[in-house]
Structure formats: C-alpha cells, structure tokens
Amino acid sequence: MTNTAKILNFGRGNFAGQERNVADLDDGYARLSNMLLEAYSGADLTKRQFKVLLAILRKTYGWNKPMDRITDSQLSEPPRFSWRVFYL
C-alpha cells in the first residue's frame, strides 16, 4: 500500500501576481493601551457606535492626544458617515 494524498482545491484561487496590502507602521499608527483595547473589544457596541469609537480614537490617540475637542462635522468626514446616519 502506498502513502499518497489527494489534493483538494477549495476555490481559494491563485493569488500569484496580485498586489498584497500589508499593514505598515511607516504609514502611521495609533498607540493604544492593552487595557483600553480589551475594554473596547468586549463592549457591546453596534456597528455604527464602533465606527464612532474608532473615529474618536483616530482623532485623539492617532495624534498622541489623550483628549481633544471633536466636532460632529469632524466625525462625519468621509468615508465615515453621512449627516443622515450620523446620529446614534
């Protein structure tokens, strides 16, 4: 009896030649403490609330600010929200 394996193709396709996007710290990053990250990941937020949270984190921790004044127009800048759906 020979030891052979049957190779199955699950339709993932051939990715040769496709450009891969990889997160690069040279493009910038937001330092966030592990405690905050774990608290936010465990929060029961809607998709829209989570997007607002990410926008606030970007406007504060993304610029190394522990706090900042953020207007509703800053939060509604594209591509985040339109004025119609901004209100939670």
C-alpha atoms as a PDB file:
ATOM      1  CA  MET A   1       0.000   0.000   0.000  1.00  0.00           C
ATOM      2  CA  THR A   2       1.390   3.410  -0.932  1.00  0.00           C
ATOM      3  CA  ASN A   3       1.097   6.581   1.071  1.00  0.00           C
ATOM      4  CA  THR A   4      -0.494   9.121  -1.230  1.00  0.00           C
ATOM      5  CA  ALA A   5      -2.523  12.211  -0.563  1.00  0.00           C
ATOM      6  CA  LYS A   6      -5.297  13.651  -2.638  1.00  0.00           C
ATOM      7  CA  ILE A   7      -5.010  17.416  -3.016  1.00  0.00           C
ATOM      8  CA  LEU A   8      -8.334  19.232  -2.887  1.00  0.00           C
ATOM      9  CA  ASN A   9      -8.891  22.718  -4.285  1.00  0.00           C
ATOM     10  CA  PHE A  10     -11.380  24.663  -2.175  1.00  0.00           C
ATOM     11  CA  GLY A  11     -11.645  27.561  -4.607  1.00  0.00           C
ATOM     12  CA  ARG A  12      -9.282  29.938  -2.908  1.00  0.00           C
ATOM     13  CA  GLY A  13      -7.825  30.772  -6.266  1.00  0.00           C
ATOM     14  CA  ASN A  14      -4.379  31.595  -7.456  1.00  0.00           C
ATOM     15  CA  PHE A  15      -3.100  34.760  -5.824  1.00  0.00           C
ATOM     16  CA  ALA A  16       0.158  34.937  -7.739  1.00  0.00           C
ATOM     17  CA  GLY A  17       0.615  38.335  -9.311  1.00  0.00           C
ATOM     18  CA  GLN A  18      -1.950  40.059  -7.091  1.00  0.00           C
ATOM     19  CA  GLU A  19      -0.879  43.018  -5.001  1.00  0.00           C
ATOM     20  CA  ARG A  20      -0.940  42.342  -1.258  1.00  0.00           C
ATOM     21  CA  ASN A  21      -1.750  45.102   1.199  1.00  0.00           C
ATOM     22  CA  VAL A  22       0.202  44.702   4.402  1.00  0.00           C
ATOM     23  CA  ALA A  23      -0.103  46.951   7.452  1.00  0.00           C
ATOM     24  CA  ASP A  24       2.981  49.131   7.581  1.00  0.00           C
ATOM     25  CA  LEU A  25       3.925  51.146  10.657  1.00  0.00           C
ATOM     26  CA  ASP A  26       5.742  53.630   8.416  1.00  0.00           C
ATOM     27  CA  ASP A  27       2.291  54.790   7.255  1.00  0.00           C
ATOM     28  CA  GLY A  28       1.404  55.715  10.836  1.00  0.00           C
ATOM     29  CA  TYR A  29      -0.264  54.028  13.753  1.00  0.00           C
ATOM     30  CA  ALA A  30      -2.226  54.837  16.890  1.00  0.00           C
ATOM     31  CA  ARG A  31      -0.729  53.731  20.209  1.00  0.00           C
ATOM     32  CA  LEU A  32      -3.468  52.340  22.407  1.00  0.00           C
ATOM     33  CA  SER A  33      -3.021  50.650  25.768  1.00  0.00           C
ATOM     34  CA  ASN A  34      -3.885  46.969  26.021  1.00  0.00           C
ATOM     35  CA  MET A  35      -6.343  47.753  28.819  1.00  0.00           C
ATOM     36  CA  LEU A  36      -8.342  50.113  26.581  1.00  0.00           C
ATOM     37  CA  LEU A  37      -8.137  47.783  23.607  1.00  0.00           C
ATOM     38  CA  GLU A  38      -9.516  44.874  25.612  1.00  0.00           C
ATOM     39  CA  ALA A  39     -12.241  47.036  27.173  1.00  0.00           C
ATOM     40  CA  TYR A  40     -13.373  48.259  23.752  1.00  0.00           C
ATOM     41  CA  SER A  41     -13.244  44.798  22.210  1.00  0.00           C
ATOM     42  CA  GLY A  42     -15.519  43.475  24.960  1.00  0.00           C
ATOM     43  CA  ALA A  43     -18.012  46.334  24.704  1.00  0.00           C
ATOM     44  CA  ASP A  44     -21.420  45.545  23.257  1.00  0.00           C
ATOM     45  CA  LEU A  45     -21.474  48.208  20.524  1.00  0.00           C
ATOM     46  CA  THR A  46     -23.440  48.455  17.323  1.00  0.00           C
ATOM     47  CA  LYS A  47     -21.514  48.733  14.084  1.00  0.00           C
ATOM     48  CA  ARG A  48     -22.185  52.474  13.918  1.00  0.00           C
ATOM     49  CA  GLN A  49     -21.148  53.031  17.541  1.00  0.00           C
ATOM     50  CA  PHE A  50     -17.935  51.108  16.905  1.00  0.00           C
ATOM     51  CA  LYS A  51     -17.182  53.313  13.881  1.00  0.00           C
ATOM     52  CA  VAL A  52     -17.677  56.427  16.024  1.00  0.00           C
ATOM     53  CA  LEU A  53     -15.340  54.951  18.642  1.00  0.00           C
ATOM     54  CA  LEU A  54     -12.679  54.272  16.000  1.00  0.00           C
ATOM     55  CA  ALA A  55     -13.057  57.810  14.628  1.00  0.00           C
ATOM     56  CA  ILE A  56     -12.599  59.259  18.120  1.00  0.00           C
ATOM     57  CA  LEU A  57      -9.577  57.052  18.770  1.00  0.00           C
ATOM     58  CA  ARG A  58      -8.068  58.160  15.469  1.00  0.00           C
ATOM     59  CA  LYS A  59      -8.633  61.851  16.266  1.00  0.00           C
ATOM     60  CA  THR A  60      -7.127  61.502  19.759  1.00  0.00           C
ATOM     61  CA  TYR A  61      -4.685  58.634  20.198  1.00  0.00           C
ATOM     62  CA  GLY A  62      -3.837  58.722  16.497  1.00  0.00           C
ATOM     63  CA  TRP A  63      -2.350  62.161  17.102  1.00  0.00           C
ATOM     64  CA  ASN A  64      -0.890  61.243  20.539  1.00  0.00           C
ATOM     65  CA  LYS A  65      -3.560  63.226  22.397  1.00  0.00           C
ATOM     66  CA  PRO A  66      -5.269  61.737  25.453  1.00  0.00           C
ATOM     67  CA  MET A  67      -8.216  64.088  24.800  1.00  0.00           C
ATOM     68  CA  ASP A  68      -9.356  66.580  22.187  1.00  0.00           C
ATOM     69  CA  ARG A  69     -12.355  68.617  21.116  1.00  0.00           C
ATOM     70  CA  ILE A  70     -14.007  66.830  18.220  1.00  0.00           C
ATOM     71  CA  THR A  71     -16.948  68.320  16.382  1.00  0.00           C
ATOM     72  CA  ASP A  72     -19.724  66.318  14.796  1.00  0.00           C
ATOM     73  CA  SER A  73     -18.582  67.574  11.393  1.00  0.00           C
ATOM     74  CA  GLN A  74     -15.130  66.061  12.018  1.00  0.00           C
ATOM     75  CA  LEU A  75     -16.724  62.713  12.824  1.00  0.00           C
ATOM     76  CA  SER A  76     -18.874  62.867   9.715  1.00  0.00           C
ATOM     77  CA  GLU A  77     -15.950  63.456   7.353  1.00  0.00           C
ATOM     78  CA  PRO A  78     -15.843  60.884   4.544  1.00  0.00           C
ATOM     79  CA  PRO A  79     -15.632  57.983   4.458  1.00  0.00           C
ATOM     80  CA  ARG A  80     -17.098  57.572   7.930  1.00  0.00           C
ATOM     81  CA  PHE A  81     -20.696  58.847   7.924  1.00  0.00           C
ATOM     82  CA  SER A  82     -23.156  60.995   6.103  1.00  0.00           C
ATOM     83  CA  TRP A  83     -25.191  63.519   8.079  1.00  0.00           C
ATOM     84  CA  ARG A  84     -28.314  61.389   7.552  1.00  0.00           C
ATOM     85  CA  VAL A  85     -26.942  58.434   9.503  1.00  0.00           C
ATOM     86  CA  PHE A  86     -24.574  60.162  11.903  1.00  0.00           C
ATOM     87  CA  TYR A  87     -26.902  60.320  14.890  1.00  0.00           C
ATOM     88  CA  LEU A  88     -26.811  57.189  17.015  1.00  0.00           C
END
